[in-house]
Amino acid sequence: MHNPHFEIILKQSLHEKKSVGIYLNGHVLAGVVYQLTETTVFLRNREYAQIVIGLNQILAIVMH
């Protein structure tokens, strides 16, 4: 199960169109959330139109 605090930040990005940085096992992906499900977050950024991340893979999230 994912951290409930992650959900707060991801929903804020979704509703306010603010960028987040998501830390995954040595990598950081930055983007804006455009869809959020119970198990998956969908991001987009300047480089990629669609980024799909499993919530169980997220180690940390920062709001930009």
Protein backbone atom coordinates (compact mmCIF):
# COMPACT_ATOMS: atom_id res chain seq x y z
CA MET A 1 0.00 0.00 0.00
CA HIS A 2 1.28 3.48 -0.83
CA ASN A 3 1.85 6.33 1.58
CA PRO A 4 -1.37 8.38 2.14
CA HIS A 5 0.70 11.59 2.16
CA PHE A 6 1.76 10.86 -1.43
CA GLU A 7 -1.90 10.92 -2.44
CA ILE A 8 -2.32 14.43 -1.01
CA ILE A 9 0.58 15.79 -3.07
CA LEU A 10 -0.47 13.94 -6.23
CA LYS A 11 -4.06 15.22 -5.96
CA GLN A 12 -2.75 18.76 -5.45
CA SER A 13 -0.68 18.43 -8.63
CA LEU A 14 -3.72 17.06 -10.47
CA HIS A 15 -6.07 19.87 -9.42
CA GLU A 16 -3.64 22.82 -9.39
CA LYS A 17 -1.50 21.72 -12.36
CA LYS A 18 1.68 22.00 -10.28
CA SER A 19 4.79 20.01 -11.13
CA VAL A 20 6.00 17.20 -8.88
CA GLY A 21 9.25 15.25 -8.71
CA ILE A 22 8.80 11.53 -8.12
CA TYR A 23 11.74 9.52 -6.78
CA LEU A 24 11.99 5.94 -8.00
CA ASN A 25 14.86 3.63 -7.10
CA GLY A 26 17.67 6.02 -8.06
CA HIS A 27 15.77 8.07 -10.66
CA VAL A 28 13.69 11.23 -10.48
CA LEU A 29 10.84 11.94 -12.88
CA ALA A 30 9.30 15.42 -12.97
CA GLY A 31 5.94 16.29 -14.44
CA VAL A 32 2.33 17.28 -13.87
CA VAL A 33 -0.23 14.69 -12.82
CA TYR A 34 -3.11 14.40 -15.30
CA GLN A 35 -4.73 11.22 -13.99
CA LEU A 36 -4.61 9.32 -10.70
CA THR A 37 -6.04 5.87 -9.94
CA GLU A 38 -5.82 3.68 -6.84
CA THR A 39 -2.65 1.99 -8.14
CA THR A 40 -1.22 4.26 -10.83
CA VAL A 41 -0.24 7.88 -11.43
CA PHE A 42 -0.10 9.36 -14.94
CA LEU A 43 2.26 12.30 -15.57
CA ARG A 44 3.29 14.39 -18.54
CA ASN A 45 6.17 16.78 -19.02
CA ARG A 46 7.97 18.61 -21.82
CA GLU A 47 9.87 15.51 -22.88
CA TYR A 48 7.17 12.82 -22.58
CA ALA A 49 3.45 13.00 -23.36
CA GLN A 50 2.66 10.10 -21.04
CA ILE A 51 4.50 8.68 -18.03
CA VAL A 52 2.85 5.86 -16.07
CA ILE A 53 4.11 4.99 -12.58
CA GLY A 54 2.85 2.35 -10.13
CA LEU A 55 2.19 3.96 -6.75
CA ASN A 56 3.92 1.05 -5.00
CA GLN A 57 7.21 2.01 -6.77
CA ILE A 58 7.37 5.59 -5.43
CA LEU A 59 9.94 6.26 -2.72
CA ALA A 60 9.39 10.02 -2.31
CA ILE A 61 7.54 12.94 -3.90
CA VAL A 62 8.36 16.67 -3.96
CA MET A 63 6.14 19.54 -5.08
CA HIS A 64 7.84 22.10 -7.35
